Amino acid sequence: MAEKRDYYEVLEVPKTATDEEIKKAYRKKAIQYHPDKNPGNKEAEEKFKEAAEAYDVLSNSDKRAKYDRFGHAGMGGASSSAGGFSMEDIFSQFGDIFGGFSGFGGFSGFGGGS
């Protein structure tokens, strides 16, 4: 990805969005672009990662405040595309977002589920 998109734009929510609106928007994007629903589709995989990164920042009040004030520069700069963010971080979020939702095949094993 060349330049990072605005996280609110990624999730298609206004800057005034509530935590619940952000969570709902992320869930919609995660389902739409999940790798199990789009096998081999690199564009969908990138959008999935982008949505997860946006959710990681916007769902955390401290990170969101920094992002709102400084943009991507407040998140460690535009050059750090992963910024310490990994696929495991993405998968660990699903336990909170989807509860026990098992519509992603073997996916439910990530994040310590039994």
PDB file of N, CA and C in Angstrom:
ATOM      1  N   MET A   1       0.839  -1.172   0.000  1.00  0.00           N
ATOM      2  CA  MET A   1       0.000   0.000   0.000  1.00  0.00           C
ATOM      3  C   MET A   1       0.883   1.234   0.000  1.00  0.00           C
ATOM      4  N   ALA A   2       0.626   2.134  -0.878  1.00  0.00           N
ATOM      5  CA  ALA A   2       1.445   3.321  -0.998  1.00  0.00           C
ATOM      6  C   ALA A   2       1.242   4.232   0.210  1.00  0.00           C
ATOM      7  N   GLU A   3       0.125   4.876   0.282  1.00  0.00           N
ATOM      8  CA  GLU A   3      -0.162   5.779   1.384  1.00  0.00           C
ATOM      9  C   GLU A   3      -1.389   5.272   2.126  1.00  0.00           C
ATOM     10  N   LYS A   4      -1.332   5.355   3.440  1.00  0.00           N
ATOM     11  CA  LYS A   4      -2.440   4.839   4.242  1.00  0.00           C
ATOM     12  C   LYS A   4      -3.674   5.714   4.094  1.00  0.00           C
ATOM     13  N   ARG A   5      -4.811   5.064   4.022  1.00  0.00           N
ATOM     14  CA  ARG A   5      -6.087   5.766   3.969  1.00  0.00           C
ATOM     15  C   ARG A   5      -6.516   6.145   5.378  1.00  0.00           C
ATOM     16  N   ASP A   6      -7.358   7.133   5.464  1.00  0.00           N
ATOM     17  CA  ASP A   6      -7.925   7.546   6.741  1.00  0.00           C
ATOM     18  C   ASP A   6      -8.694   6.376   7.342  1.00  0.00           C
ATOM     19  N   TYR A   7      -8.463   6.091   8.618  1.00  0.00           N
ATOM     20  CA  TYR A   7      -9.101   4.941   9.253  1.00  0.00           C
ATOM     21  C   TYR A   7     -10.621   5.057   9.279  1.00  0.00           C
ATOM     22  N   TYR A   8     -11.127   6.255   9.433  1.00  0.00           N
ATOM     23  CA  TYR A   8     -12.585   6.430   9.419  1.00  0.00           C
ATOM     24  C   TYR A   8     -13.137   6.120   8.025  1.00  0.00           C
ATOM     25  N   GLU A   9     -12.376   6.503   7.000  1.00  0.00           N
ATOM     26  CA  GLU A   9     -12.764   6.206   5.621  1.00  0.00           C
ATOM     27  C   GLU A   9     -12.741   4.696   5.368  1.00  0.00           C
ATOM     28  N   VAL A  10     -11.724   4.031   5.894  1.00  0.00           N
ATOM     29  CA  VAL A  10     -11.590   2.581   5.719  1.00  0.00           C
ATOM     30  C   VAL A  10     -12.832   1.867   6.249  1.00  0.00           C
ATOM     31  N   LEU A  11     -13.281   2.264   7.447  1.00  0.00           N
ATOM     32  CA  LEU A  11     -14.445   1.611   8.060  1.00  0.00           C
ATOM     33  C   LEU A  11     -15.772   2.256   7.656  1.00  0.00           C
ATOM     34  N   GLU A  12     -15.684   3.337   6.882  1.00  0.00           N
ATOM     35  CA  GLU A  12     -16.872   4.053   6.412  1.00  0.00           C
ATOM     36  C   GLU A  12     -17.748   4.517   7.569  1.00  0.00           C
ATOM     37  N   VAL A  13     -17.106   5.177   8.538  1.00  0.00           N
ATOM     38  CA  VAL A  13     -17.816   5.758   9.676  1.00  0.00           C
ATOM     39  C   VAL A  13     -17.388   7.212   9.823  1.00  0.00           C
ATOM     40  N   PRO A  14     -18.254   8.047  10.414  1.00  0.00           N
ATOM     41  CA  PRO A  14     -17.867   9.439  10.651  1.00  0.00           C
ATOM     42  C   PRO A  14     -16.900   9.533  11.832  1.00  0.00           C
ATOM     43  N   LYS A  15     -16.192  10.635  11.931  1.00  0.00           N
ATOM     44  CA  LYS A  15     -15.260  10.833  13.047  1.00  0.00           C
ATOM     45  C   LYS A  15     -15.981  10.876  14.386  1.00  0.00           C
ATOM     46  N   THR A  16     -17.269  11.090  14.362  1.00  0.00           N
ATOM     47  CA  THR A  16     -18.067  11.130  15.589  1.00  0.00           C
ATOM     48  C   THR A  16     -18.655   9.767  15.939  1.00  0.00           C
ATOM     49  N   ALA A  17     -18.252   8.733  15.226  1.00  0.00           N
ATOM     50  CA  ALA A  17     -18.820   7.388  15.430  1.00  0.00           C
ATOM     51  C   ALA A  17     -18.596   6.902  16.858  1.00  0.00           C
ATOM     52  N   THR A  18     -19.593   6.205  17.372  1.00  0.00           N
ATOM     53  CA  THR A  18     -19.485   5.611  18.703  1.00  0.00           C
ATOM     54  C   THR A  18     -18.667   4.323  18.615  1.00  0.00           C
ATOM     55  N   ASP A  19     -18.268   3.811  19.772  1.00  0.00           N
ATOM     56  CA  ASP A  19     -17.536   2.542  19.799  1.00  0.00           C
ATOM     57  C   ASP A  19     -18.357   1.434  19.154  1.00  0.00           C
ATOM     58  N   GLU A  20     -19.652   1.435  19.408  1.00  0.00           N
ATOM     59  CA  GLU A  20     -20.530   0.403  18.849  1.00  0.00           C
ATOM     60  C   GLU A  20     -20.622   0.520  17.326  1.00  0.00           C
ATOM     61  N   GLU A  21     -20.680   1.740  16.808  1.00  0.00           N
ATOM     62  CA  GLU A  21     -20.720   1.942  15.353  1.00  0.00           C
ATOM     63  C   GLU A  21     -19.412   1.483  14.695  1.00  0.00           C
ATOM     64  N   ILE A  22     -18.306   1.748  15.353  1.00  0.00           N
ATOM     65  CA  ILE A  22     -17.003   1.322  14.835  1.00  0.00           C
ATOM     66  C   ILE A  22     -16.920  -0.199  14.825  1.00  0.00           C
ATOM     67  N   LYS A  23     -17.359  -0.812  15.900  1.00  0.00           N
ATOM     68  CA  LYS A  23     -17.340  -2.276  16.005  1.00  0.00           C
ATOM     69  C   LYS A  23     -18.213  -2.911  14.918  1.00  0.00           C
ATOM     70  N   LYS A  24     -19.385  -2.353  14.706  1.00  0.00           N
ATOM     71  CA  LYS A  24     -20.311  -2.879  13.698  1.00  0.00           C
ATOM     72  C   LYS A  24     -19.720  -2.729  12.285  1.00  0.00           C
ATOM     73  N   ALA A  25     -19.120  -1.571  12.018  1.00  0.00           N
ATOM     74  CA  ALA A  25     -18.523  -1.328  10.701  1.00  0.00           C
ATOM     75  C   ALA A  25     -17.344  -2.268  10.458  1.00  0.00           C
ATOM     76  N   TYR A  26     -16.536  -2.480  11.492  1.00  0.00           N
ATOM     77  CA  TYR A  26     -15.403  -3.395  11.362  1.00  0.00           C
ATOM     78  C   TYR A  26     -15.891  -4.817  11.099  1.00  0.00           C
ATOM     79  N   ARG A  27     -16.885  -5.234  11.827  1.00  0.00           N
ATOM     80  CA  ARG A  27     -17.415  -6.594  11.657  1.00  0.00           C
ATOM     81  C   ARG A  27     -17.885  -6.810  10.215  1.00  0.00           C
ATOM     82  N   LYS A  28     -18.564  -5.806   9.670  1.00  0.00           N
ATOM     83  CA  LYS A  28     -19.052  -5.894   8.293  1.00  0.00           C
ATOM     84  C   LYS A  28     -17.886  -6.040   7.307  1.00  0.00           C
ATOM     85  N   LYS A  29     -16.852  -5.216   7.479  1.00  0.00           N
ATOM     86  CA  LYS A  29     -15.685  -5.274   6.589  1.00  0.00           C
ATOM     87  C   LYS A  29     -14.927  -6.591   6.760  1.00  0.00           C
ATOM     88  N   ALA A  30     -14.783  -7.030   8.008  1.00  0.00           N
ATOM     89  CA  ALA A  30     -14.048  -8.266   8.278  1.00  0.00           C
ATOM     90  C   ALA A  30     -14.730  -9.460   7.620  1.00  0.00           C
ATOM     91  N   ILE A  31     -16.034  -9.505   7.698  1.00  0.00           N
ATOM     92  CA  ILE A  31     -16.774 -10.596   7.055  1.00  0.00           C
ATOM     93  C   ILE A  31     -16.642 -10.499   5.536  1.00  0.00           C
ATOM     94  N   GLN A  32     -16.774  -9.289   5.004  1.00  0.00           N
ATOM     95  CA  GLN A  32     -16.715  -9.076   3.558  1.00  0.00           C
ATOM     96  C   GLN A  32     -15.358  -9.471   2.970  1.00  0.00           C
ATOM     97  N   TYR A  33     -14.279  -9.127   3.663  1.00  0.00           N
ATOM     98  CA  TYR A  33     -12.943  -9.326   3.103  1.00  0.00           C
ATOM     99  C   TYR A  33     -12.150 -10.460   3.751  1.00  0.00           C
ATOM    100  N   HIS A  34     -12.781 -11.251   4.591  1.00  0.00           N
ATOM    101  CA  HIS A  34     -12.066 -12.317   5.291  1.00  0.00           C
ATOM    102  C   HIS A  34     -11.413 -13.272   4.287  1.00  0.00           C
ATOM    103  N   PRO A  35     -10.162 -13.675   4.546  1.00  0.00           N
ATOM    104  CA  PRO A  35      -9.449 -14.569   3.618  1.00  0.00           C
ATOM    105  C   PRO A  35     -10.175 -15.883   3.329  1.00  0.00           C
ATOM    106  N   ASP A  36     -10.929 -16.417   4.280  1.00  0.00           N
ATOM    107  CA  ASP A  36     -11.667 -17.659   4.027  1.00  0.00           C
ATOM    108  C   ASP A  36     -12.779 -17.462   3.003  1.00  0.00           C
ATOM    109  N   LYS A  37     -13.297 -16.245   2.899  1.00  0.00           N
ATOM    110  CA  LYS A  37     -14.347 -15.959   1.918  1.00  0.00           C
ATOM    111  C   LYS A  37     -13.765 -15.516   0.585  1.00  0.00           C
ATOM    112  N   ASN A  38     -12.472 -15.177   0.581  1.00  0.00           N
ATOM    113  CA  ASN A  38     -11.802 -14.679  -0.619  1.00  0.00           C
ATOM    114  C   ASN A  38     -10.446 -15.356  -0.804  1.00  0.00           C
ATOM    115  N   PRO A  39     -10.427 -16.692  -0.915  1.00  0.00           N
ATOM    116  CA  PRO A  39      -9.140 -17.387  -1.009  1.00  0.00           C
ATOM    117  C   PRO A  39      -8.330 -16.943  -2.226  1.00  0.00           C
ATOM    118  N   GLY A  40      -7.057 -16.622  -1.979  1.00  0.00           N
ATOM    119  CA  GLY A  40      -6.170 -16.229  -3.069  1.00  0.00           C
ATOM    120  C   GLY A  40      -6.346 -14.808  -3.561  1.00  0.00           C
ATOM    121  N   ASN A  41      -7.271 -14.058  -2.992  1.00  0.00           N
ATOM    122  CA  ASN A  41      -7.534 -12.690  -3.426  1.00  0.00           C
ATOM    123  C   ASN A  41      -6.689 -11.733  -2.587  1.00  0.00           C
ATOM    124  N   LYS A  42      -5.571 -11.277  -3.149  1.00  0.00           N
ATOM    125  CA  LYS A  42      -4.636 -10.406  -2.421  1.00  0.00           C
ATOM    126  C   LYS A  42      -5.261  -9.053  -2.084  1.00  0.00           C
ATOM    127  N   GLU A  43      -6.098  -8.533  -2.971  1.00  0.00           N
ATOM    128  CA  GLU A  43      -6.740  -7.240  -2.705  1.00  0.00           C
ATOM    129  C   GLU A  43      -7.667  -7.342  -1.493  1.00  0.00           C
ATOM    130  N   ALA A  44      -8.443  -8.414  -1.425  1.00  0.00           N
ATOM    131  CA  ALA A  44      -9.336  -8.617  -0.281  1.00  0.00           C
ATOM    132  C   ALA A  44      -8.524  -8.793   0.998  1.00  0.00           C
ATOM    133  N   GLU A  45      -7.404  -9.506   0.901  1.00  0.00           N
ATOM    134  CA  GLU A  45      -6.545  -9.707   2.068  1.00  0.00           C
ATOM    135  C   GLU A  45      -6.008  -8.371   2.580  1.00  0.00           C
ATOM    136  N   GLU A  46      -5.589  -7.499   1.662  1.00  0.00           N
ATOM    137  CA  GLU A  46      -5.087  -6.179   2.058  1.00  0.00           C
ATOM    138  C   GLU A  46      -6.190  -5.340   2.701  1.00  0.00           C
ATOM    139  N   LYS A  47      -7.395  -5.415   2.142  1.00  0.00           N
ATOM    140  CA  LYS A  47      -8.514  -4.657   2.714  1.00  0.00           C
ATOM    141  C   LYS A  47      -8.890  -5.197   4.088  1.00  0.00           C
ATOM    142  N   PHE A  48      -8.791  -6.507   4.257  1.00  0.00           N
ATOM    143  CA  PHE A  48      -9.051  -7.134   5.552  1.00  0.00           C
ATOM    144  C   PHE A  48      -8.050  -6.622   6.589  1.00  0.00           C
ATOM    145  N   LYS A  49      -6.773  -6.612   6.224  1.00  0.00           N
ATOM    146  CA  LYS A  49      -5.730  -6.126   7.126  1.00  0.00           C
ATOM    147  C   LYS A  49      -5.915  -4.640   7.426  1.00  0.00           C
ATOM    148  N   GLU A  50      -6.268  -3.878   6.406  1.00  0.00           N
ATOM    149  CA  GLU A  50      -6.471  -2.440   6.565  1.00  0.00           C
ATOM    150  C   GLU A  50      -7.628  -2.165   7.531  1.00  0.00           C
ATOM    151  N   ALA A  51      -8.715  -2.911   7.383  1.00  0.00           N
ATOM    152  CA  ALA A  51      -9.866  -2.744   8.274  1.00  0.00           C
ATOM    153  C   ALA A  51      -9.501  -3.125   9.705  1.00  0.00           C
ATOM    154  N   ALA A  52      -8.734  -4.194   9.856  1.00  0.00           N
ATOM    155  CA  ALA A  52      -8.323  -4.632  11.191  1.00  0.00           C
ATOM    156  C   ALA A  52      -7.411  -3.604  11.849  1.00  0.00           C
ATOM    157  N   GLU A  53      -6.518  -3.026  11.073  1.00  0.00           N
ATOM    158  CA  GLU A  53      -5.623  -1.997  11.605  1.00  0.00           C
ATOM    159  C   GLU A  53      -6.432  -0.768  12.019  1.00  0.00           C
ATOM    160  N   ALA A  54      -7.398  -0.383  11.185  1.00  0.00           N
ATOM    161  CA  ALA A  54      -8.250   0.759  11.518  1.00  0.00           C
ATOM    162  C   ALA A  54      -9.032   0.488  12.799  1.00  0.00           C
ATOM    163  N   TYR A  55      -9.567  -0.717  12.916  1.00  0.00           N
ATOM    164  CA  TYR A  55     -10.324  -1.073  14.124  1.00  0.00           C
ATOM    165  C   TYR A  55      -9.424  -1.086  15.354  1.00  0.00           C
ATOM    166  N   ASP A  56      -8.217  -1.590  15.204  1.00  0.00           N
ATOM    167  CA  ASP A  56      -7.273  -1.633  16.321  1.00  0.00           C
ATOM    168  C   ASP A  56      -7.053  -0.235  16.892  1.00  0.00           C
ATOM    169  N   VAL A  57      -6.940   0.751  16.039  1.00  0.00           N
ATOM    170  CA  VAL A  57      -6.710   2.126  16.484  1.00  0.00           C
ATOM    171  C   VAL A  57      -8.004   2.768  16.982  1.00  0.00           C
ATOM    172  N   LEU A  58      -9.061   2.682  16.196  1.00  0.00           N
ATOM    173  CA  LEU A  58     -10.288   3.407  16.539  1.00  0.00           C
ATOM    174  C   LEU A  58     -11.060   2.802  17.700  1.00  0.00           C
ATOM    175  N   SER A  59     -10.811   1.545  18.017  1.00  0.00           N
ATOM    176  CA  SER A  59     -11.518   0.912  19.134  1.00  0.00           C
ATOM    177  C   SER A  59     -10.798   1.121  20.466  1.00  0.00           C
ATOM    178  N   ASN A  60      -9.614   1.691  20.423  1.00  0.00           N
ATOM    179  CA  ASN A  60      -8.831   1.953  21.627  1.00  0.00           C
ATOM    180  C   ASN A  60      -8.842   3.460  21.870  1.00  0.00           C
ATOM    181  N   SER A  61      -9.406   3.890  22.992  1.00  0.00           N
ATOM    182  CA  SER A  61      -9.595   5.327  23.222  1.00  0.00           C
ATOM    183  C   SER A  61      -8.286   6.112  23.202  1.00  0.00           C
ATOM    184  N   ASP A  62      -7.210   5.555  23.740  1.00  0.00           N
ATOM    185  CA  ASP A  62      -5.923   6.260  23.728  1.00  0.00           C
ATOM    186  C   ASP A  62      -5.368   6.382  22.312  1.00  0.00           C
ATOM    187  N   LYS A  63      -5.374   5.263  21.580  1.00  0.00           N
ATOM    188  CA  LYS A  63      -4.872   5.280  20.201  1.00  0.00           C
ATOM    189  C   LYS A  63      -5.737   6.190  19.332  1.00  0.00           C
ATOM    190  N   ARG A  64      -7.043   6.145  19.548  1.00  0.00           N
ATOM    191  CA  ARG A  64      -7.953   6.964  18.747  1.00  0.00           C
ATOM    192  C   ARG A  64      -7.696   8.447  18.991  1.00  0.00           C
ATOM    193  N   ALA A  65      -7.483   8.826  20.243  1.00  0.00           N
ATOM    194  CA  ALA A  65      -7.209  10.228  20.564  1.00  0.00           C
ATOM    195  C   ALA A  65      -5.928  10.699  19.872  1.00  0.00           C
ATOM    196  N   LYS A  66      -4.883   9.864  19.885  1.00  0.00           N
ATOM    197  CA  LYS A  66      -3.630  10.211  19.203  1.00  0.00           C
ATOM    198  C   LYS A  66      -3.856  10.315  17.699  1.00  0.00           C
ATOM    199  N   TYR A  67      -4.607   9.354  17.157  1.00  0.00           N
ATOM    200  CA  TYR A  67      -4.875   9.364  15.717  1.00  0.00           C
ATOM    201  C   TYR A  67      -5.674  10.602  15.325  1.00  0.00           C
ATOM    202  N   ASP A  68      -6.695  10.935  16.123  1.00  0.00           N
ATOM    203  CA  ASP A  68      -7.514  12.108  15.821  1.00  0.00           C
ATOM    204  C   ASP A  68      -6.685  13.390  15.851  1.00  0.00           C
ATOM    205  N   ARG A  69      -5.705  13.425  16.721  1.00  0.00           N
ATOM    206  CA  ARG A  69      -4.891  14.630  16.848  1.00  0.00           C
ATOM    207  C   ARG A  69      -3.758  14.690  15.828  1.00  0.00           C
ATOM    208  N   PHE A  70      -3.074  13.563  15.606  1.00  0.00           N
ATOM    209  CA  PHE A  70      -1.868  13.567  14.781  1.00  0.00           C
ATOM    210  C   PHE A  70      -1.964  12.758  13.492  1.00  0.00           C
ATOM    211  N   GLY A  71      -3.065  12.066  13.272  1.00  0.00           N
ATOM    212  CA  GLY A  71      -3.195  11.225  12.088  1.00  0.00           C
ATOM    213  C   GLY A  71      -2.271  10.024  12.166  1.00  0.00           C
ATOM    214  N   HIS A  72      -1.843   9.528  11.024  1.00  0.00           N
ATOM    215  CA  HIS A  72      -0.975   8.351  10.992  1.00  0.00           C
ATOM    216  C   HIS A  72       0.376   8.627  11.645  1.00  0.00           C
ATOM    217  N   ALA A  73       0.812   9.882  11.650  1.00  0.00           N
ATOM    218  CA  ALA A  73       2.086  10.228  12.290  1.00  0.00           C
ATOM    219  C   ALA A  73       2.047   9.895  13.779  1.00  0.00           C
ATOM    220  N   GLY A  74       0.886  10.009  14.395  1.00  0.00           N
ATOM    221  CA  GLY A  74       0.736   9.673  15.804  1.00  0.00           C
ATOM    222  C   GLY A  74       0.769   8.184  16.063  1.00  0.00           C
ATOM    223  N   MET A  75       0.698   7.393  15.009  1.00  0.00           N
ATOM    224  CA  MET A  75       0.706   5.936  15.128  1.00  0.00           C
ATOM    225  C   MET A  75       2.070   5.355  14.805  1.00  0.00           C
ATOM    226  N   GLY A  76       3.085   6.183  14.707  1.00  0.00           N
ATOM    227  CA  GLY A  76       4.426   5.686  14.429  1.00  0.00           C
ATOM    228  C   GLY A  76       4.890   6.012  13.025  1.00  0.00           C
ATOM    229  N   GLY A  77       4.146   6.824  12.313  1.00  0.00           N
ATOM    230  CA  GLY A  77       4.566   7.242  10.983  1.00  0.00           C
ATOM    231  C   GLY A  77       3.939   6.430   9.876  1.00  0.00           C
ATOM    232  N   ALA A  78       3.837   7.032   8.718  1.00  0.00           N
ATOM    233  CA  ALA A  78       3.202   6.394   7.565  1.00  0.00           C
ATOM    234  C   ALA A  78       4.052   5.278   6.977  1.00  0.00           C
ATOM    235  N   SER A  79       5.344   5.286   7.264  1.00  0.00           N
ATOM    236  CA  SER A  79       6.197   4.275   6.650  1.00  0.00           C
ATOM    237  C   SER A  79       6.093   2.918   7.323  1.00  0.00           C
ATOM    238  N   SER A  80       5.560   2.872   8.532  1.00  0.00           N
ATOM    239  CA  SER A  80       5.457   1.587   9.229  1.00  0.00           C
ATOM    240  C   SER A  80       4.097   0.971   8.976  1.00  0.00           C
ATOM    241  N   SER A  81       3.973   0.289   7.848  1.00  0.00           N
ATOM    242  CA  SER A  81       2.670  -0.238   7.456  1.00  0.00           C
ATOM    243  C   SER A  81       2.104  -1.223   8.457  1.00  0.00           C
ATOM    244  N   ALA A  82       2.950  -2.018   9.089  1.00  0.00           N
ATOM    245  CA  ALA A  82       2.435  -2.952  10.080  1.00  0.00           C
ATOM    246  C   ALA A  82       2.443  -2.321  11.460  1.00  0.00           C
ATOM    247  N   GLY A  83       3.425  -1.511  11.755  1.00  0.00           N
ATOM    248  CA  GLY A  83       3.470  -0.801  13.017  1.00  0.00           C
ATOM    249  C   GLY A  83       3.332  -1.705  14.225  1.00  0.00           C
ATOM    250  N   GLY A  84       3.925  -2.886  14.187  1.00  0.00           N
ATOM    251  CA  GLY A  84       3.785  -3.813  15.294  1.00  0.00           C
ATOM    252  C   GLY A  84       2.472  -4.565  15.248  1.00  0.00           C
ATOM    253  N   PHE A  85       1.779  -4.465  14.166  1.00  0.00           N
ATOM    254  CA  PHE A  85       0.468  -5.060  13.996  1.00  0.00           C
ATOM    255  C   PHE A  85       0.629  -6.339  13.195  1.00  0.00           C
ATOM    256  N   SER A  86       0.106  -7.440  13.692  1.00  0.00           N
ATOM    257  CA  SER A  86       0.287  -8.718  13.007  1.00  0.00           C
ATOM    258  C   SER A  86      -1.053  -9.384  12.721  1.00  0.00           C
ATOM    259  N   MET A  87      -1.001 -10.427  11.914  1.00  0.00           N
ATOM    260  CA  MET A  87      -2.218 -11.186  11.630  1.00  0.00           C
ATOM    261  C   MET A  87      -2.786 -11.780  12.910  1.00  0.00           C
ATOM    262  N   GLU A  88      -1.929 -12.137  13.860  1.00  0.00           N
ATOM    263  CA  GLU A  88      -2.418 -12.670  15.130  1.00  0.00           C
ATOM    264  C   GLU A  88      -3.234 -11.624  15.871  1.00  0.00           C
ATOM    265  N   ASP A  89      -2.834 -10.339  15.758  1.00  0.00           N
ATOM    266  CA  ASP A  89      -3.613  -9.266  16.364  1.00  0.00           C
ATOM    267  C   ASP A  89      -5.004  -9.214  15.737  1.00  0.00           C
ATOM    268  N   ILE A  90      -5.039  -9.366  14.427  1.00  0.00           N
ATOM    269  CA  ILE A  90      -6.319  -9.342  13.721  1.00  0.00           C
ATOM    270  C   ILE A  90      -7.207 -10.464  14.230  1.00  0.00           C
ATOM    271  N   PHE A  91      -6.664 -11.679  14.286  1.00  0.00           N
ATOM    272  CA  PHE A  91      -7.463 -12.823  14.683  1.00  0.00           C
ATOM    273  C   PHE A  91      -7.887 -12.745  16.138  1.00  0.00           C
ATOM    274  N   SER A  92      -7.049 -12.180  16.997  1.00  0.00           N
ATOM    275  CA  SER A  92      -7.410 -12.092  18.411  1.00  0.00           C
ATOM    276  C   SER A  92      -8.600 -11.166  18.613  1.00  0.00           C
ATOM    277  N   GLN A  93      -8.799 -10.207  17.715  1.00  0.00           N
ATOM    278  CA  GLN A  93      -9.924  -9.287  17.830  1.00  0.00           C
ATOM    279  C   GLN A  93     -11.253  -9.985  17.579  1.00  0.00           C
ATOM    280  N   PHE A  94     -11.234 -11.061  16.808  1.00  0.00           N
ATOM    281  CA  PHE A  94     -12.478 -11.725  16.470  1.00  0.00           C
ATOM    282  C   PHE A  94     -13.161 -12.354  17.666  1.00  0.00           C
ATOM    283  N   GLY A  95     -12.409 -12.788  18.656  1.00  0.00           N
ATOM    284  CA  GLY A  95     -13.024 -13.352  19.856  1.00  0.00           C
ATOM    285  C   GLY A  95     -13.936 -12.341  20.510  1.00  0.00           C
ATOM    286  N   ASP A  96     -13.503 -11.088  20.541  1.00  0.00           N
ATOM    287  CA  ASP A  96     -14.302 -10.020  21.126  1.00  0.00           C
ATOM    288  C   ASP A  96     -15.452  -9.620  20.204  1.00  0.00           C
ATOM    289  N   ILE A  97     -15.173  -9.505  18.932  1.00  0.00           N
ATOM    290  CA  ILE A  97     -16.171  -9.030  17.978  1.00  0.00           C
ATOM    291  C   ILE A  97     -17.267 -10.052  17.723  1.00  0.00           C
ATOM    292  N   PHE A  98     -16.876 -11.295  17.480  1.00  0.00           N
ATOM    293  CA  PHE A  98     -17.833 -12.301  17.064  1.00  0.00           C
ATOM    294  C   PHE A  98     -18.240 -13.267  18.158  1.00  0.00           C
ATOM    295  N   GLY A  99     -17.661 -13.152  19.334  1.00  0.00           N
ATOM    296  CA  GLY A  99     -17.970 -14.110  20.391  1.00  0.00           C
ATOM    297  C   GLY A  99     -17.558 -15.490  19.933  1.00  0.00           C
ATOM    298  N   GLY A 100     -18.445 -16.432  19.992  1.00  0.00           N
ATOM    299  CA  GLY A 100     -18.127 -17.795  19.586  1.00  0.00           C
ATOM    300  C   GLY A 100     -18.449 -18.069  18.140  1.00  0.00           C
ATOM    301  N   PHE A 101     -18.629 -17.049  17.325  1.00  0.00           N
ATOM    302  CA  PHE A 101     -19.015 -17.221  15.932  1.00  0.00           C
ATOM    303  C   PHE A 101     -18.034 -18.125  15.219  1.00  0.00           C
ATOM    304  N   SER A 102     -18.535 -19.198  14.625  1.00  0.00           N
ATOM    305  CA  SER A 102     -17.640 -20.163  13.992  1.00  0.00           C
ATOM    306  C   SER A 102     -17.821 -20.213  12.483  1.00  0.00           C
ATOM    307  N   GLY A 103     -18.298 -19.155  11.881  1.00  0.00           N
ATOM    308  CA  GLY A 103     -18.528 -19.131  10.444  1.00  0.00           C
ATOM    309  C   GLY A 103     -17.275 -18.989   9.616  1.00  0.00           C
ATOM    310  N   PHE A 104     -16.097 -19.031  10.258  1.00  0.00           N
ATOM    311  CA  PHE A 104     -14.860 -18.879   9.531  1.00  0.00           C
ATOM    312  C   PHE A 104     -14.038 -20.151   9.541  1.00  0.00           C
ATOM    313  N   GLY A 105     -14.681 -21.286   9.535  1.00  0.00           N
ATOM    314  CA  GLY A 105     -13.979 -22.564   9.461  1.00  0.00           C
ATOM    315  C   GLY A 105     -13.090 -22.786  10.661  1.00  0.00           C
ATOM    316  N   GLY A 106     -11.834 -23.144  10.427  1.00  0.00           N
ATOM    317  CA  GLY A 106     -10.880 -23.422  11.489  1.00  0.00           C
ATOM    318  C   GLY A 106     -10.378 -22.179  12.179  1.00  0.00           C
ATOM    319  N   PHE A 107     -10.924 -21.067  11.869  1.00  0.00           N
ATOM    320  CA  PHE A 107     -10.504 -19.774  12.363  1.00  0.00           C
ATOM    321  C   PHE A 107     -10.686 -19.614  13.857  1.00  0.00           C
ATOM    322  N   SER A 108     -11.660 -20.303  14.463  1.00  0.00           N
ATOM    323  CA  SER A 108     -11.980 -20.077  15.865  1.00  0.00           C
ATOM    324  C   SER A 108     -10.874 -20.516  16.808  1.00  0.00           C
ATOM    325  N   GLY A 109      -9.889 -21.265  16.334  1.00  0.00           N
ATOM    326  CA  GLY A 109      -8.786 -21.704  17.179  1.00  0.00           C
ATOM    327  C   GLY A 109      -7.810 -20.594  17.523  1.00  0.00           C
ATOM    328  N   PHE A 110      -7.808 -19.501  16.783  1.00  0.00           N
ATOM    329  CA  PHE A 110      -6.909 -18.395  17.066  1.00  0.00           C
ATOM    330  C   PHE A 110      -7.368 -17.671  18.321  1.00  0.00           C
ATOM    331  N   GLY A 111      -6.446 -17.106  19.050  1.00  0.00           N
ATOM    332  CA  GLY A 111      -6.788 -16.303  20.214  1.00  0.00           C
ATOM    333  C   GLY A 111      -7.059 -17.127  21.449  1.00  0.00           C
ATOM    334  N   GLY A 112      -6.700 -18.387  21.479  1.00  0.00           N
ATOM    335  CA  GLY A 112      -6.815 -19.203  22.679  1.00  0.00           C
ATOM    336  C   GLY A 112      -8.140 -19.898  22.865  1.00  0.00           C
ATOM    337  N   GLY A 113      -9.005 -19.892  21.857  1.00  0.00           N
ATOM    338  CA  GLY A 113     -10.279 -20.615  21.977  1.00  0.00           C
ATOM    339  C   GLY A 113     -10.041 -22.105  22.037  1.00  0.00           C
ATOM    340  N   SER A 114     -10.988 -22.846  22.611  1.00  0.00           N
ATOM    341  CA  SER A 114     -10.758 -24.290  22.731  1.00  0.00           C
ATOM    342  C   SER A 114     -11.432 -25.087  21.665  1.00  0.00           C
TER     343      SER A 114
END
